[in-house]
C-alpha atoms as a PDB file:
ATOM      1  CA  MET A   1      -5.857  51.041 -14.803  1.00  0.00           C
ATOM      2  CA  PHE A   2      -7.191  48.101 -16.744  1.00  0.00           C
ATOM      3  CA  LYS A   3      -8.648  50.521 -19.810  1.00  0.00           C
ATOM      4  CA  ASN A   4      -5.913  49.350 -22.047  1.00  0.00           C
ATOM      5  CA  TRP A   5      -5.856  45.462 -21.403  1.00  0.00           C
ATOM      6  CA  THR A   6      -6.718  43.509 -24.480  1.00  0.00           C
ATOM      7  CA  PHE A   7      -7.635  39.904 -24.426  1.00  0.00           C
ATOM      8  CA  LYS A   8      -3.970  39.434 -26.015  1.00  0.00           C
ATOM      9  CA  LYS A   9      -2.336  41.215 -22.943  1.00  0.00           C
ATOM     10  CA  ILE A  10      -4.409  39.198 -20.564  1.00  0.00           C
ATOM     11  CA  LEU A  11      -3.615  36.055 -22.057  1.00  0.00           C
ATOM     12  CA  LYS A  12      -0.245  36.883 -22.237  1.00  0.00           C
ATOM     13  CA  GLU A  13      -0.013  37.652 -18.498  1.00  0.00           C
ATOM     14  CA  ILE A  14      -1.723  34.476 -17.582  1.00  0.00           C
ATOM     15  CA  VAL A  15       0.441  32.244 -19.541  1.00  0.00           C
ATOM     16  CA  ILE A  16       3.611  34.117 -18.028  1.00  0.00           C
ATOM     17  CA  THR A  17       2.052  33.592 -14.698  1.00  0.00           C
ATOM     18  CA  LEU A  18       1.573  29.943 -15.253  1.00  0.00           C
ATOM     19  CA  LEU A  19       4.830  29.463 -16.622  1.00  0.00           C
ATOM     20  CA  ILE A  20       6.489  31.268 -13.461  1.00  0.00           C
ATOM     21  CA  PHE A  21       4.383  29.003 -11.095  1.00  0.00           C
ATOM     22  CA  PHE A  22       5.420  25.873 -13.262  1.00  0.00           C
ATOM     23  CA  VAL A  23       9.214  26.656 -12.939  1.00  0.00           C
ATOM     24  CA  ALA A  24       8.832  27.562  -9.238  1.00  0.00           C
ATOM     25  CA  SER A  25       7.216  24.317  -8.792  1.00  0.00           C
ATOM     26  CA  LEU A  26       9.949  22.230 -10.623  1.00  0.00           C
ATOM     27  CA  ILE A  27      12.550  24.047  -8.322  1.00  0.00           C
ATOM     28  CA  ILE A  28      10.835  23.286  -5.267  1.00  0.00           C
ATOM     29  CA  ASN A  29      10.147  19.748  -6.158  1.00  0.00           C
ATOM     30  CA  TYR A  30      13.799  19.409  -6.962  1.00  0.00           C
ATOM     31  CA  LEU A  31      14.835  20.775  -3.647  1.00  0.00           C
ATOM     32  CA  ARG A  32      12.525  18.505  -1.798  1.00  0.00           C
ATOM     33  CA  GLN A  33      13.141  15.297  -3.558  1.00  0.00           C
ATOM     34  CA  PRO A  34      14.151  12.497  -1.321  1.00  0.00           C
ATOM     35  CA  ASP A  35      17.723  11.016  -1.429  1.00  0.00           C
ATOM     36  CA  THR A  36      16.268   7.629  -2.325  1.00  0.00           C
ATOM     37  CA  PHE A  37      17.284   3.988  -3.834  1.00  0.00           C
ATOM     38  CA  ASN A  38      18.624   4.700  -7.214  1.00  0.00           C
ATOM     39  CA  VAL A  39      17.427   0.951  -7.949  1.00  0.00           C
ATOM     40  CA  LEU A  40      14.379  -0.796  -6.321  1.00  0.00           C
ATOM     41  CA  PRO A  41      15.698  -2.719  -3.180  1.00  0.00           C
ATOM     42  CA  LYS A  42      15.298  -6.484  -3.252  1.00  0.00           C
ATOM     43  CA  GLU A  43      12.889  -7.099  -0.333  1.00  0.00           C
ATOM     44  CA  THR A  44       9.701  -8.901   0.173  1.00  0.00           C
ATOM     45  CA  MET A  45       7.046  -7.102   2.026  1.00  0.00           C
ATOM     46  CA  ARG A  46       3.323  -7.928   3.039  1.00  0.00           C
ATOM     47  CA  THR A  47       0.538  -5.509   2.297  1.00  0.00           C
ATOM     48  CA  ILE A  48      -2.568  -4.805   4.630  1.00  0.00           C
ATOM     49  CA  GLU A  49      -4.262  -7.422   2.567  1.00  0.00           C
ATOM     50  CA  LYS A  50      -1.592 -10.118   3.760  1.00  0.00           C
ATOM     51  CA  LYS A  51      -0.298 -10.593   0.129  1.00  0.00           C
ATOM     52  CA  ASP A  52       3.734 -10.904  -0.353  1.00  0.00           C
ATOM     53  CA  ILE A  53       4.845  -8.330  -2.559  1.00  0.00           C
ATOM     54  CA  SER A  54       8.628  -8.180  -4.026  1.00  0.00           C
ATOM     55  CA  PHE A  55       9.716  -5.079  -5.579  1.00  0.00           C
ATOM     56  CA  GLU A  56      11.521  -7.448  -8.038  1.00  0.00           C
ATOM     57  CA  LYS A  57       8.179  -8.222  -9.435  1.00  0.00           C
ATOM     58  CA  TYR A  58       7.578  -4.873 -10.631  1.00  0.00           C
ATOM     59  CA  LYS A  59      10.941  -4.735 -12.896  1.00  0.00           C
ATOM     60  CA  THR A  60       8.787  -5.140 -15.930  1.00  0.00           C
ATOM     61  CA  LYS A  61       6.713  -1.672 -16.190  1.00  0.00           C
ATOM     62  CA  PRO A  62       7.167   1.772 -14.725  1.00  0.00           C
ATOM     63  CA  LEU A  63       6.394   1.560 -10.973  1.00  0.00           C
ATOM     64  CA  ILE A  64       5.143   4.552  -8.775  1.00  0.00           C
ATOM     65  CA  VAL A  65       5.914   4.030  -5.050  1.00  0.00           C
ATOM     66  CA  TYR A  66       3.492   6.400  -3.368  1.00  0.00           C
ATOM     67  CA  PHE A  67       4.208   7.457   0.370  1.00  0.00           C
ATOM     68  CA  TRP A  68       0.945   8.884   2.324  1.00  0.00           C
ATOM     69  CA  GLY A  69      -0.461   8.985   5.365  1.00  0.00           C
ATOM     70  CA  SER A  70      -4.002   9.188   6.398  1.00  0.00           C
ATOM     71  CA  TRP A  71      -3.309  11.872   8.872  1.00  0.00           C
ATOM     72  CA  CYS A  72      -2.126  14.013   5.839  1.00  0.00           C
ATOM     73  CA  PRO A  73      -4.426  16.734   4.381  1.00  0.00           C
ATOM     74  CA  ALA A  74      -2.383  16.838   0.844  1.00  0.00           C
ATOM     75  CA  CYS A  75      -2.457  13.070   0.884  1.00  0.00           C
ATOM     76  CA  ARG A  76      -6.230  13.193   1.156  1.00  0.00           C
ATOM     77  CA  GLN A  77      -6.427  15.038  -2.010  1.00  0.00           C
ATOM     78  CA  GLN A  78      -3.588  13.071  -3.756  1.00  0.00           C
ATOM     79  CA  SER A  79      -4.532   9.475  -3.012  1.00  0.00           C
ATOM     80  CA  PRO A  80      -7.658   9.459  -5.413  1.00  0.00           C
ATOM     81  CA  ASN A  81      -5.226  10.462  -7.996  1.00  0.00           C
ATOM     82  CA  ILE A  82      -3.189   7.501  -7.342  1.00  0.00           C
ATOM     83  CA  ASP A  83      -6.127   5.318  -7.348  1.00  0.00           C
ATOM     84  CA  VAL A  84      -7.056   6.345 -10.726  1.00  0.00           C
ATOM     85  CA  LEU A  85      -3.219   5.806 -11.837  1.00  0.00           C
ATOM     86  CA  SER A  86      -3.298   2.276 -10.295  1.00  0.00           C
ATOM     87  CA  LYS A  87      -6.001   1.204 -12.544  1.00  0.00           C
ATOM     88  CA  GLU A  88      -3.509   1.838 -15.625  1.00  0.00           C
ATOM     89  CA  TYR A  89      -0.049   1.600 -14.083  1.00  0.00           C
ATOM     90  CA  GLN A  90       1.921  -0.475 -11.520  1.00  0.00           C
ATOM     91  CA  VAL A  91       1.478   1.233  -8.135  1.00  0.00           C
ATOM     92  CA  LEU A  92       2.461   0.238  -4.831  1.00  0.00           C
ATOM     93  CA  THR A  93       1.891   2.402  -1.662  1.00  0.00           C
ATOM     94  CA  ILE A  94       2.986   2.797   1.686  1.00  0.00           C
ATOM     95  CA  ALA A  95       0.698   4.138   4.324  1.00  0.00           C
ATOM     96  CA  VAL A  96       3.168   5.890   6.816  1.00  0.00           C
ATOM     97  CA  LYS A  97       2.324   5.994  10.485  1.00  0.00           C
ATOM     98  CA  SER A  98      -1.220   5.511   9.774  1.00  0.00           C
ATOM     99  CA  GLY A  99      -2.286   2.734  12.345  1.00  0.00           C
ATOM    100  CA  THR A 100      -2.940  -0.781  12.023  1.00  0.00           C
ATOM    101  CA  ASP A 101      -3.610  -2.899   8.891  1.00  0.00           C
ATOM    102  CA  ASP A 102      -7.278  -2.704  10.006  1.00  0.00           C
ATOM    103  CA  GLU A 103      -7.459   1.018  10.894  1.00  0.00           C
ATOM    104  CA  ILE A 104      -5.819   1.594   7.042  1.00  0.00           C
ATOM    105  CA  LYS A 105      -8.290  -0.904   5.520  1.00  0.00           C
ATOM    106  CA  ALA A 106     -11.115   1.162   7.063  1.00  0.00           C
ATOM    107  CA  TYR A 107      -9.909   4.526   5.905  1.00  0.00           C
ATOM    108  CA  MET A 108      -9.140   3.147   2.345  1.00  0.00           C
ATOM    109  CA  SER A 109     -12.820   1.624   2.313  1.00  0.00           C
ATOM    110  CA  GLU A 110     -14.168   5.037   3.506  1.00  0.00           C
ATOM    111  CA  LYS A 111     -12.239   6.779   0.782  1.00  0.00           C
ATOM    112  CA  LYS A 112     -12.915   4.168  -1.861  1.00  0.00           C
ATOM    113  CA  LEU A 113      -9.295   3.575  -2.619  1.00  0.00           C
ATOM    114  CA  SER A 114      -8.150   0.223  -3.810  1.00  0.00           C
ATOM    115  CA  PHE A 115      -4.420   0.113  -4.449  1.00  0.00           C
ATOM    116  CA  ASP A 116      -1.851  -2.107  -3.097  1.00  0.00           C
ATOM    117  CA  THR A 117      -0.676  -0.785   0.409  1.00  0.00           C
ATOM    118  CA  ILE A 118       1.898  -1.744   2.861  1.00  0.00           C
ATOM    119  CA  ASN A 119       1.761  -0.391   6.298  1.00  0.00           C
ATOM    120  CA  ASP A 120       4.857   1.370   7.406  1.00  0.00           C
ATOM    121  CA  GLU A 121       3.239   1.704  11.150  1.00  0.00           C
ATOM    122  CA  ASN A 122       6.672   3.058  12.538  1.00  0.00           C
ATOM    123  CA  GLY A 123       7.926   5.166   9.364  1.00  0.00           C
ATOM    124  CA  GLU A 124      10.993   2.845   9.027  1.00  0.00           C
ATOM    125  CA  LEU A 125      10.475   2.048   5.319  1.00  0.00           C
ATOM    126  CA  ALA A 126      10.002   5.563   4.504  1.00  0.00           C
ATOM    127  CA  LYS A 127      13.273   6.542   6.479  1.00  0.00           C
ATOM    128  CA  LYS A 128      14.833   3.708   4.349  1.00  0.00           C
ATOM    129  CA  PHE A 129      13.563   5.360   1.088  1.00  0.00           C
ATOM    130  CA  GLY A 130      14.518   8.757   2.437  1.00  0.00           C
ATOM    131  CA  VAL A 131      11.217  10.181   2.527  1.00  0.00           C
ATOM    132  CA  SER A 132      10.213  12.850   4.951  1.00  0.00           C
ATOM    133  CA  ILE A 133       7.580  14.757   2.988  1.00  0.00           C
ATOM    134  CA  TYR A 134       4.244  13.584   2.498  1.00  0.00           C
ATOM    135  CA  PRO A 135       2.909  13.040  -0.034  1.00  0.00           C
ATOM    136  CA  THR A 136       5.884  11.605  -1.983  1.00  0.00           C
ATOM    137  CA  MET A 137       5.747   9.674  -5.216  1.00  0.00           C
ATOM    138  CA  LEU A 138       8.676   7.938  -6.595  1.00  0.00           C
ATOM    139  CA  ILE A 139       8.706   6.676 -10.189  1.00  0.00           C
ATOM    140  CA  TYR A 140      10.891   3.832 -11.341  1.00  0.00           C
ATOM    141  CA  ASP A 141      11.247   2.872 -14.916  1.00  0.00           C
ATOM    142  CA  SER A 142      10.902  -0.872 -16.262  1.00  0.00           C
ATOM    143  CA  THR A 143      14.441  -1.871 -15.176  1.00  0.00           C
ATOM    144  CA  GLY A 144      13.732  -0.841 -11.387  1.00  0.00           C
ATOM    145  CA  THR A 145      15.845   2.436 -11.772  1.00  0.00           C
ATOM    146  CA  HIS A 146      14.817   5.575 -10.090  1.00  0.00           C
ATOM    147  CA  ALA A 147      13.475   8.115 -12.825  1.00  0.00           C
ATOM    148  CA  PHE A 148      11.244  10.864 -11.083  1.00  0.00           C
ATOM    149  CA  SER A 149      10.307  11.948  -7.471  1.00  0.00           C
ATOM    150  CA  GLU A 150       7.489  14.168  -6.964  1.00  0.00           C
ATOM    151  CA  THR A 151       6.604  15.674  -3.642  1.00  0.00           C
ATOM    152  CA  GLY A 152       3.289  17.156  -2.559  1.00  0.00           C
ATOM    153  CA  TYR A 153       0.358  17.271  -4.775  1.00  0.00           C
ATOM    154  CA  THR A 154       0.543  15.924  -8.486  1.00  0.00           C
ATOM    155  CA  THR A 155      -2.162  15.900 -10.993  1.00  0.00           C
ATOM    156  CA  VAL A 156      -3.250  12.622 -12.797  1.00  0.00           C
ATOM    157  CA  VAL A 157      -2.089  14.338 -16.147  1.00  0.00           C
ATOM    158  CA  GLY A 158       1.363  15.492 -14.643  1.00  0.00           C
ATOM    159  CA  ALA A 159       2.056  11.776 -13.375  1.00  0.00           C
ATOM    160  CA  LYS A 160       1.030  10.210 -16.713  1.00  0.00           C
ATOM    161  CA  ALA A 161       3.257  12.825 -18.554  1.00  0.00           C
ATOM    162  CA  ARG A 162       6.119  11.446 -16.239  1.00  0.00           C
ATOM    163  CA  LEU A 163       5.417   7.545 -16.713  1.00  0.00           C
ATOM    164  CA  ASN A 164       4.914   8.259 -20.473  1.00  0.00           C
ATOM    165  CA  MET A 165       8.396   9.687 -20.679  1.00  0.00           C
ATOM    166  CA  ILE A 166      10.071   6.555 -19.278  1.00  0.00           C
ATOM    167  CA  LYS A 167       7.997   3.844 -21.059  1.00  0.00           C
END
């Protein structure tokens, strides 16, 4: 069955498979994206570190708003990627139904995560943003206008590509 397979044929099959996977993931992501704010809301919220954060302050560079939960298996894989991005880009995360501020701090300390986090203890903020799938990453441009939504796992490279498209 595989006697006539050459390196070129194998490479072609791999490329086709990857393209199909990429297109399918784009379609799935498009269908699952939240119906969210077109422009960042004008609200001030408090992080788990008791720091007041206003979405208005982020209207200078692109911003990632990342919704996650300590209970979410995919978020456990995604959050380290978001932490890497937070060293280079503006990132604000929202921990949904993940316990008290102290419980979230303990979780983040254990996982060595250092991004700014707002506690959405009852899921009200997620509901307000139209988020129901976790993790969800919303990317806003430097004017505060919604540019991209990603649901599920996203690589650092994929997120950086989107951020560089809107700079």
